[in-house]
């Protein structure tokens, strides 16, 4: 796995967990279905935004591969006949 993709998955996982925790923490005092709904909503939002972050890292990896040019060398004579 490319280091950019691994870093993207790591960062997006942390971001998704943080958003889910914040959403659940806000509704913790209410409990019940409010807590469940906030947790599910926070998880969905975190996964969506985390997916965008991971996609940015994947595009960075793709662009980095694209800029590496392969140069073909052809051997020719040092002195061409005139």
PDB file of N, CA and C in Angstrom:
ATOM      1  N   UNK A   1       0.851  -1.168   0.000  1.00  0.00           N
ATOM      2  CA  UNK A   1       0.000   0.000   0.000  1.00  0.00           C
ATOM      3  C   UNK A   1       0.899   1.233   0.000  1.00  0.00           C
ATOM      4  N   UNK A   2       0.513   2.160  -0.801  1.00  0.00           N
ATOM      5  CA  UNK A   2       1.273   3.401  -0.911  1.00  0.00           C
ATOM      6  C   UNK A   2       1.190   4.181   0.400  1.00  0.00           C
ATOM      7  N   UNK A   3       2.247   4.900   0.715  1.00  0.00           N
ATOM      8  CA  UNK A   3       2.267   5.623   1.993  1.00  0.00           C
ATOM      9  C   UNK A   3       1.228   6.740   2.021  1.00  0.00           C
ATOM     10  N   UNK A   4       0.902   7.335   0.862  1.00  0.00           N
ATOM     11  CA  UNK A   4      -0.121   8.385   0.836  1.00  0.00           C
ATOM     12  C   UNK A   4      -1.506   7.809   1.114  1.00  0.00           C
ATOM     13  N   UNK A   5      -1.778   6.649   0.557  1.00  0.00           N
ATOM     14  CA  UNK A   5      -3.081   6.023   0.783  1.00  0.00           C
ATOM     15  C   UNK A   5      -3.211   5.579   2.232  1.00  0.00           C
ATOM     16  N   UNK A   6      -2.143   5.015   2.785  1.00  0.00           N
ATOM     17  CA  UNK A   6      -2.177   4.603   4.191  1.00  0.00           C
ATOM     18  C   UNK A   6      -2.361   5.816   5.107  1.00  0.00           C
ATOM     19  N   UNK A   7      -1.669   6.894   4.804  1.00  0.00           N
ATOM     20  CA  UNK A   7      -1.820   8.110   5.609  1.00  0.00           C
ATOM     21  C   UNK A   7      -3.234   8.668   5.469  1.00  0.00           C
ATOM     22  N   UNK A   8      -3.798   8.616   4.280  1.00  0.00           N
ATOM     23  CA  UNK A   8      -5.163   9.094   4.072  1.00  0.00           C
ATOM     24  C   UNK A   8      -6.182   8.291   4.849  1.00  0.00           C
ATOM     25  N   UNK A   9      -6.017   6.967   4.867  1.00  0.00           N
ATOM     26  CA  UNK A   9      -6.934   6.136   5.643  1.00  0.00           C
ATOM     27  C   UNK A   9      -6.781   6.386   7.142  1.00  0.00           C
ATOM     28  N   UNK A  10      -5.564   6.593   7.581  1.00  0.00           N
ATOM     29  CA  UNK A  10      -5.320   6.874   8.996  1.00  0.00           C
ATOM     30  C   UNK A  10      -5.945   8.200   9.413  1.00  0.00           C
ATOM     31  N   UNK A  11      -5.704   9.240   8.630  1.00  0.00           N
ATOM     32  CA  UNK A  11      -6.245  10.572   8.950  1.00  0.00           C
ATOM     33  C   UNK A  11      -7.769  10.564   8.875  1.00  0.00           C
ATOM     34  N   UNK A  12      -8.327   9.917   7.858  1.00  0.00           N
ATOM     35  CA  UNK A  12      -9.789   9.898   7.736  1.00  0.00           C
ATOM     36  C   UNK A  12     -10.423   9.084   8.856  1.00  0.00           C
ATOM     37  N   UNK A  13      -9.769   8.020   9.309  1.00  0.00           N
ATOM     38  CA  UNK A  13     -10.296   7.246  10.434  1.00  0.00           C
ATOM     39  C   UNK A  13     -10.320   8.051  11.716  1.00  0.00           C
ATOM     40  N   UNK A  14      -9.251   8.796  11.959  1.00  0.00           N
ATOM     41  CA  UNK A  14      -9.215   9.660  13.144  1.00  0.00           C
ATOM     42  C   UNK A  14     -10.289  10.733  13.049  1.00  0.00           C
ATOM     43  N   UNK A  15     -10.448  11.310  11.874  1.00  0.00           N
ATOM     44  CA  UNK A  15     -11.443  12.363  11.684  1.00  0.00           C
ATOM     45  C   UNK A  15     -12.862  11.824  11.890  1.00  0.00           C
ATOM     46  N   UNK A  16     -13.147  10.632  11.346  1.00  0.00           N
ATOM     47  CA  UNK A  16     -14.473  10.037  11.510  1.00  0.00           C
ATOM     48  C   UNK A  16     -14.749   9.705  12.975  1.00  0.00           C
ATOM     49  N   UNK A  17     -13.744   9.184  13.675  1.00  0.00           N
ATOM     50  CA  UNK A  17     -13.935   8.861  15.091  1.00  0.00           C
ATOM     51  C   UNK A  17     -14.158  10.125  15.919  1.00  0.00           C
ATOM     52  N   UNK A  18     -13.447  11.186  15.591  1.00  0.00           N
ATOM     53  CA  UNK A  18     -13.592  12.440  16.328  1.00  0.00           C
ATOM     54  C   UNK A  18     -14.983  13.043  16.127  1.00  0.00           C
ATOM     55  N   UNK A  19     -15.468  13.048  14.901  1.00  0.00           N
ATOM     56  CA  UNK A  19     -16.806  13.598  14.636  1.00  0.00           C
ATOM     57  C   UNK A  19     -17.867  12.750  15.328  1.00  0.00           C
ATOM     58  N   UNK A  20     -17.725  11.427  15.299  1.00  0.00           N
ATOM     59  CA  UNK A  20     -18.691  10.547  15.961  1.00  0.00           C
ATOM     60  C   UNK A  20     -18.683  10.774  17.464  1.00  0.00           C
ATOM     61  N   UNK A  21     -17.491  10.929  18.037  1.00  0.00           N
ATOM     62  CA  UNK A  21     -17.393  11.154  19.476  1.00  0.00           C
ATOM     63  C   UNK A  21     -18.035  12.479  19.871  1.00  0.00           C
ATOM     64  N   UNK A  22     -17.814  13.525  19.102  1.00  0.00           N
ATOM     65  CA  UNK A  22     -18.406  14.827  19.411  1.00  0.00           C
ATOM     66  C   UNK A  22     -19.929  14.763  19.329  1.00  0.00           C
ATOM     67  N   UNK A  23     -20.444  14.091  18.302  1.00  0.00           N
ATOM     68  CA  UNK A  23     -21.899  13.988  18.160  1.00  0.00           C
ATOM     69  C   UNK A  23     -22.509  13.171  19.296  1.00  0.00           C
ATOM     70  N   UNK A  24     -21.844  12.093  19.681  1.00  0.00           N
ATOM     71  CA  UNK A  24     -22.372  11.267  20.768  1.00  0.00           C
ATOM     72  C   UNK A  24     -22.234  11.985  22.110  1.00  0.00           C
ATOM     73  N   UNK A  25     -21.171  12.729  22.293  1.00  0.00           N
ATOM     74  CA  UNK A  25     -20.946  13.437  23.557  1.00  0.00           C
ATOM     75  C   UNK A  25     -21.996  14.523  23.778  1.00  0.00           C
ATOM     76  N   UNK A  26     -22.419  15.174  22.701  1.00  0.00           N
ATOM     77  CA  UNK A  26     -23.453  16.208  22.825  1.00  0.00           C
ATOM     78  C   UNK A  26     -24.799  15.625  23.251  1.00  0.00           C
ATOM     79  N   UNK A  27     -25.095  14.414  22.814  1.00  0.00           N
ATOM     80  CA  UNK A  27     -26.399  13.811  23.114  1.00  0.00           C
ATOM     81  C   UNK A  27     -26.332  12.825  24.270  1.00  0.00           C
ATOM     82  N   UNK A  28     -25.201  12.725  24.937  1.00  0.00           N
ATOM     83  CA  UNK A  28     -25.052  11.736  26.008  1.00  0.00           C
ATOM     84  C   UNK A  28     -25.995  12.004  27.177  1.00  0.00           C
ATOM     85  N   UNK A  29     -26.240  13.251  27.486  1.00  0.00           N
ATOM     86  CA  UNK A  29     -27.122  13.595  28.607  1.00  0.00           C
ATOM     87  C   UNK A  29     -28.572  13.192  28.330  1.00  0.00           C
ATOM     88  N   UNK A  30     -28.989  13.257  27.064  1.00  0.00           N
ATOM     89  CA  UNK A  30     -30.365  12.876  26.708  1.00  0.00           C
ATOM     90  C   UNK A  30     -30.561  11.374  26.802  1.00  0.00           C
ATOM     91  N   UNK A  31     -29.604  10.614  26.263  1.00  0.00           N
ATOM     92  CA  UNK A  31     -29.694   9.156  26.286  1.00  0.00           C
ATOM     93  C   UNK A  31     -30.720   8.630  25.300  1.00  0.00           C
ATOM     94  N   UNK A  32     -30.925   7.355  25.298  1.00  0.00           N
ATOM     95  CA  UNK A  32     -31.938   6.703  24.480  1.00  0.00           C
ATOM     96  C   UNK A  32     -31.722   6.880  22.984  1.00  0.00           C
ATOM     97  N   UNK A  33     -32.852   7.140  22.315  1.00  0.00           N
ATOM     98  CA  UNK A  33     -32.807   7.259  20.856  1.00  0.00           C
ATOM     99  C   UNK A  33     -32.091   8.521  20.393  1.00  0.00           C
ATOM    100  N   UNK A  34     -32.079   9.552  21.198  1.00  0.00           N
ATOM    101  CA  UNK A  34     -31.347  10.767  20.821  1.00  0.00           C
ATOM    102  C   UNK A  34     -29.856  10.475  20.733  1.00  0.00           C
ATOM    103  N   UNK A  35     -29.354   9.694  21.667  1.00  0.00           N
ATOM    104  CA  UNK A  35     -27.946   9.303  21.645  1.00  0.00           C
ATOM    105  C   UNK A  35     -27.654   8.423  20.436  1.00  0.00           C
ATOM    106  N   UNK A  36     -28.539   7.471  20.179  1.00  0.00           N
ATOM    107  CA  UNK A  36     -28.359   6.586  19.026  1.00  0.00           C
ATOM    108  C   UNK A  36     -28.400   7.362  17.717  1.00  0.00           C
ATOM    109  N   UNK A  37     -29.370   8.252  17.600  1.00  0.00           N
ATOM    110  CA  UNK A  37     -29.500   9.030  16.366  1.00  0.00           C
ATOM    111  C   UNK A  37     -28.300   9.955  16.164  1.00  0.00           C
ATOM    112  N   UNK A  38     -27.850  10.589  17.222  1.00  0.00           N
ATOM    113  CA  UNK A  38     -26.690  11.479  17.101  1.00  0.00           C
ATOM    114  C   UNK A  38     -25.436  10.703  16.753  1.00  0.00           C
ATOM    115  N   UNK A  39     -25.275   9.528  17.338  1.00  0.00           N
ATOM    116  CA  UNK A  39     -24.097   8.707  17.042  1.00  0.00           C
ATOM    117  C   UNK A  39     -24.106   8.239  15.598  1.00  0.00           C
ATOM    118  N   UNK A  40     -25.242   7.776  15.122  1.00  0.00           N
ATOM    119  CA  UNK A  40     -25.337   7.308  13.732  1.00  0.00           C
ATOM    120  C   UNK A  40     -25.139   8.471  12.769  1.00  0.00           C
ATOM    121  N   UNK A  41     -25.735   9.612  13.064  1.00  0.00           N
ATOM    122  CA  UNK A  41     -25.559  10.783  12.209  1.00  0.00           C
ATOM    123  C   UNK A  41     -24.102  11.245  12.209  1.00  0.00           C
ATOM    124  N   UNK A  42     -23.484  11.264  13.374  1.00  0.00           N
ATOM    125  CA  UNK A  42     -22.077  11.652  13.464  1.00  0.00           C
ATOM    126  C   UNK A  42     -21.173  10.679  12.725  1.00  0.00           C
ATOM    127  N   UNK A  43     -21.470   9.386  12.822  1.00  0.00           N
ATOM    128  CA  UNK A  43     -20.685   8.384  12.100  1.00  0.00           C
ATOM    129  C   UNK A  43     -20.837   8.545  10.599  1.00  0.00           C
ATOM    130  N   UNK A  44     -22.063   8.789  10.141  1.00  0.00           N
ATOM    131  CA  UNK A  44     -22.285   8.991   8.705  1.00  0.00           C
ATOM    132  C   UNK A  44     -21.552  10.230   8.198  1.00  0.00           C
ATOM    133  N   UNK A  45     -21.655  11.313   8.947  1.00  0.00           N
ATOM    134  CA  UNK A  45     -20.966  12.545   8.541  1.00  0.00           C
ATOM    135  C   UNK A  45     -19.456  12.359   8.581  1.00  0.00           C
ATOM    136  N   UNK A  46     -18.954  11.687   9.607  1.00  0.00           N
ATOM    137  CA  UNK A  46     -17.521  11.445   9.717  1.00  0.00           C
ATOM    138  C   UNK A  46     -16.991  10.571   8.599  1.00  0.00           C
ATOM    139  N   UNK A  47     -17.752   9.549   8.223  1.00  0.00           N
ATOM    140  CA  UNK A  47     -17.320   8.679   7.128  1.00  0.00           C
ATOM    141  C   UNK A  47     -17.348   9.403   5.786  1.00  0.00           C
ATOM    142  N   UNK A  48     -18.343  10.254   5.586  1.00  0.00           N
ATOM    143  CA  UNK A  48     -18.396  11.017   4.333  1.00  0.00           C
ATOM    144  C   UNK A  48     -17.215  11.980   4.216  1.00  0.00           C
ATOM    145  N   UNK A  49     -16.976  12.743   5.244  1.00  0.00           N
ATOM    146  CA  UNK A  49     -15.869  13.704   5.203  1.00  0.00           C
ATOM    147  C   UNK A  49     -14.534  12.965   5.221  1.00  0.00           C
ATOM    148  N   UNK A  50     -14.448  11.888   5.993  1.00  0.00           N
ATOM    149  CA  UNK A  50     -13.238  11.076   5.999  1.00  0.00           C
ATOM    150  C   UNK A  50     -12.961  10.448   4.640  1.00  0.00           C
ATOM    151  N   UNK A  51     -14.017  10.058   3.939  1.00  0.00           N
ATOM    152  CA  UNK A  51     -13.848   9.518   2.581  1.00  0.00           C
ATOM    153  C   UNK A  51     -13.288  10.564   1.628  1.00  0.00           C
ATOM    154  N   UNK A  52     -13.731  11.797   1.775  1.00  0.00           N
ATOM    155  CA  UNK A  52     -13.178  12.874   0.945  1.00  0.00           C
ATOM    156  C   UNK A  52     -11.706  13.119   1.255  1.00  0.00           C
ATOM    157  N   UNK A  53     -11.349  13.036   2.519  1.00  0.00           N
ATOM    158  CA  UNK A  53      -9.946  13.208   2.895  1.00  0.00           C
ATOM    159  C   UNK A  53      -9.107  12.080   2.319  1.00  0.00           C
ATOM    160  N   UNK A  54      -9.594  10.842   2.437  1.00  0.00           N
ATOM    161  CA  UNK A  54      -8.864   9.699   1.883  1.00  0.00           C
ATOM    162  C   UNK A  54      -8.748   9.806   0.368  1.00  0.00           C
ATOM    163  N   UNK A  55      -9.797  10.313  -0.290  1.00  0.00           N
ATOM    164  CA  UNK A  55      -9.736  10.485  -1.741  1.00  0.00           C
ATOM    165  C   UNK A  55      -8.696  11.525  -2.136  1.00  0.00           C
ATOM    166  N   UNK A  56      -8.561  12.583  -1.342  1.00  0.00           N
ATOM    167  CA  UNK A  56      -7.526  13.587  -1.623  1.00  0.00           C
ATOM    168  C   UNK A  56      -6.135  12.981  -1.529  1.00  0.00           C
ATOM    169  N   UNK A  57      -5.907  12.152  -0.527  1.00  0.00           N
ATOM    170  CA  UNK A  57      -4.609  11.500  -0.401  1.00  0.00           C
ATOM    171  C   UNK A  57      -4.371  10.532  -1.560  1.00  0.00           C
ATOM    172  N   UNK A  58      -5.424   9.822  -1.990  1.00  0.00           N
ATOM    173  CA  UNK A  58      -5.282   8.895  -3.118  1.00  0.00           C
ATOM    174  C   UNK A  58      -4.980   9.659  -4.405  1.00  0.00           C
ATOM    175  N   UNK A  59      -5.626  10.803  -4.608  1.00  0.00           N
ATOM    176  CA  UNK A  59      -5.325  11.620  -5.786  1.00  0.00           C
ATOM    177  C   UNK A  59      -3.910  12.170  -5.742  1.00  0.00           C
ATOM    178  N   UNK A  60      -3.432  12.508  -4.552  1.00  0.00           N
ATOM    179  CA  UNK A  60      -2.052  12.947  -4.410  1.00  0.00           C
ATOM    180  C   UNK A  60      -1.094  11.835  -4.827  1.00  0.00           C
ATOM    181  N   UNK A  61      -1.407  10.622  -4.436  1.00  0.00           N
ATOM    182  CA  UNK A  61      -0.581   9.478  -4.825  1.00  0.00           C
ATOM    183  C   UNK A  61      -0.623   9.264  -6.334  1.00  0.00           C
ATOM    184  N   UNK A  62      -1.804   9.403  -6.922  1.00  0.00           N
ATOM    185  CA  UNK A  62      -1.951   9.226  -8.372  1.00  0.00           C
ATOM    186  C   UNK A  62      -1.185  10.302  -9.138  1.00  0.00           C
ATOM    187  N   UNK A  63      -1.282  11.543  -8.684  1.00  0.00           N
ATOM    188  CA  UNK A  63      -0.564  12.629  -9.353  1.00  0.00           C
ATOM    189  C   UNK A  63       0.943  12.491  -9.196  1.00  0.00           C
ATOM    190  N   UNK A  64       1.373  11.950  -8.071  1.00  0.00           N
ATOM    191  CA  UNK A  64       2.802  11.753  -7.866  1.00  0.00           C
ATOM    192  C   UNK A  64       3.341  10.687  -8.822  1.00  0.00           C
ATOM    193  N   UNK A  65       2.570   9.638  -9.055  1.00  0.00           N
ATOM    194  CA  UNK A  65       2.984   8.606 -10.013  1.00  0.00           C
ATOM    195  C   UNK A  65       2.977   9.153 -11.432  1.00  0.00           C
ATOM    196  N   UNK A  66       2.030  10.045 -11.713  1.00  0.00           N
ATOM    197  CA  UNK A  66       1.880  10.594 -13.056  1.00  0.00           C
ATOM    198  C   UNK A  66       3.046  11.505 -13.427  1.00  0.00           C
ATOM    199  N   UNK A  67       3.614  12.194 -12.458  1.00  0.00           N
ATOM    200  CA  UNK A  67       4.687  13.139 -12.760  1.00  0.00           C
ATOM    201  C   UNK A  67       6.035  12.465 -12.934  1.00  0.00           C
ATOM    202  N   UNK A  68       6.165  11.217 -12.528  1.00  0.00           N
ATOM    203  CA  UNK A  68       7.421  10.507 -12.716  1.00  0.00           C
ATOM    204  C   UNK A  68       7.488  10.043 -14.165  1.00  0.00           C
ATOM    205  N   UNK A  69       8.377  10.649 -14.915  1.00  0.00           N
ATOM    206  CA  UNK A  69       8.487  10.322 -16.325  1.00  0.00           C
ATOM    207  C   UNK A  69       9.516   9.234 -16.533  1.00  0.00           C
ATOM    208  N   UNK A  70       9.221   8.397 -17.490  1.00  0.00           N
ATOM    209  CA  UNK A  70      10.163   7.369 -17.889  1.00  0.00           C
ATOM    210  C   UNK A  70      10.800   7.837 -19.179  1.00  0.00           C
ATOM    211  N   UNK A  71      12.109   7.942 -19.163  1.00  0.00           N
ATOM    212  CA  UNK A  71      12.823   8.438 -20.330  1.00  0.00           C
ATOM    213  C   UNK A  71      13.509   7.255 -20.999  1.00  0.00           C
ATOM    214  N   UNK A  72      13.222   7.074 -22.278  1.00  0.00           N
ATOM    215  CA  UNK A  72      13.860   6.006 -23.033  1.00  0.00           C
ATOM    216  C   UNK A  72      15.128   6.552 -23.669  1.00  0.00           C
ATOM    217  N   UNK A  73      16.197   5.809 -23.506  1.00  0.00           N
ATOM    218  CA  UNK A  73      17.477   6.221 -24.071  1.00  0.00           C
ATOM    219  C   UNK A  73      17.760   5.377 -25.308  1.00  0.00           C
ATOM    220  N   UNK A  74      18.189   6.053 -26.341  1.00  0.00           N
ATOM    221  CA  UNK A  74      18.533   5.364 -27.578  1.00  0.00           C
ATOM    222  C   UNK A  74      20.008   5.611 -27.848  1.00  0.00           C
ATOM    223  N   UNK A  75      20.721   4.552 -28.123  1.00  0.00           N
ATOM    224  CA  UNK A  75      22.141   4.697 -28.407  1.00  0.00           C
ATOM    225  C   UNK A  75      22.320   5.076 -29.867  1.00  0.00           C
ATOM    226  N   UNK A  76      23.107   6.106 -30.093  1.00  0.00           N
ATOM    227  CA  UNK A  76      23.414   6.535 -31.455  1.00  0.00           C
ATOM    228  C   UNK A  76      24.920   6.714 -31.566  1.00  0.00           C
ATOM    229  N   UNK A  77      25.346   6.766 -32.784  1.00  0.00           N
ATOM    230  CA  UNK A  77      26.779   6.981 -33.022  1.00  0.00           C
ATOM    231  C   UNK A  77      27.166   8.388 -32.631  1.00  0.00           C
ATOM    232  N   UNK A  78      28.382   8.543 -32.148  1.00  0.00           N
ATOM    233  CA  UNK A  78      28.849   9.873 -31.726  1.00  0.00           C
ATOM    234  C   UNK A  78      29.018  10.812 -32.910  1.00  0.00           C
ATOM    235  N   UNK A  79      29.453  10.266 -34.047  1.00  0.00           N
ATOM    236  CA  UNK A  79      29.670  11.083 -35.236  1.00  0.00           C
ATOM    237  C   UNK A  79      28.799  10.528 -36.352  1.00  0.00           C
ATOM    238  N   UNK A  80      27.884  11.360 -36.781  1.00  0.00           N
ATOM    239  CA  UNK A  80      27.026  10.938 -37.873  1.00  0.00           C
ATOM    240  C   UNK A  80      27.733  11.229 -39.198  1.00  0.00           C
ATOM    241  N   UNK A  81      27.564  10.339 -40.166  1.00  0.00           N
ATOM    242  CA  UNK A  81      28.174  10.614 -41.488  1.00  0.00           C
ATOM    243  C   UNK A  81      27.487  11.803 -42.158  1.00  0.00           C
ATOM    244  N   UNK A  82      28.286  12.649 -42.766  1.00  0.00           N
ATOM    245  CA  UNK A  82      27.765  13.855 -43.392  1.00  0.00           C
ATOM    246  C   UNK A  82      27.598  13.659 -44.873  1.00  0.00           C
TER     247      UNK A  82
END
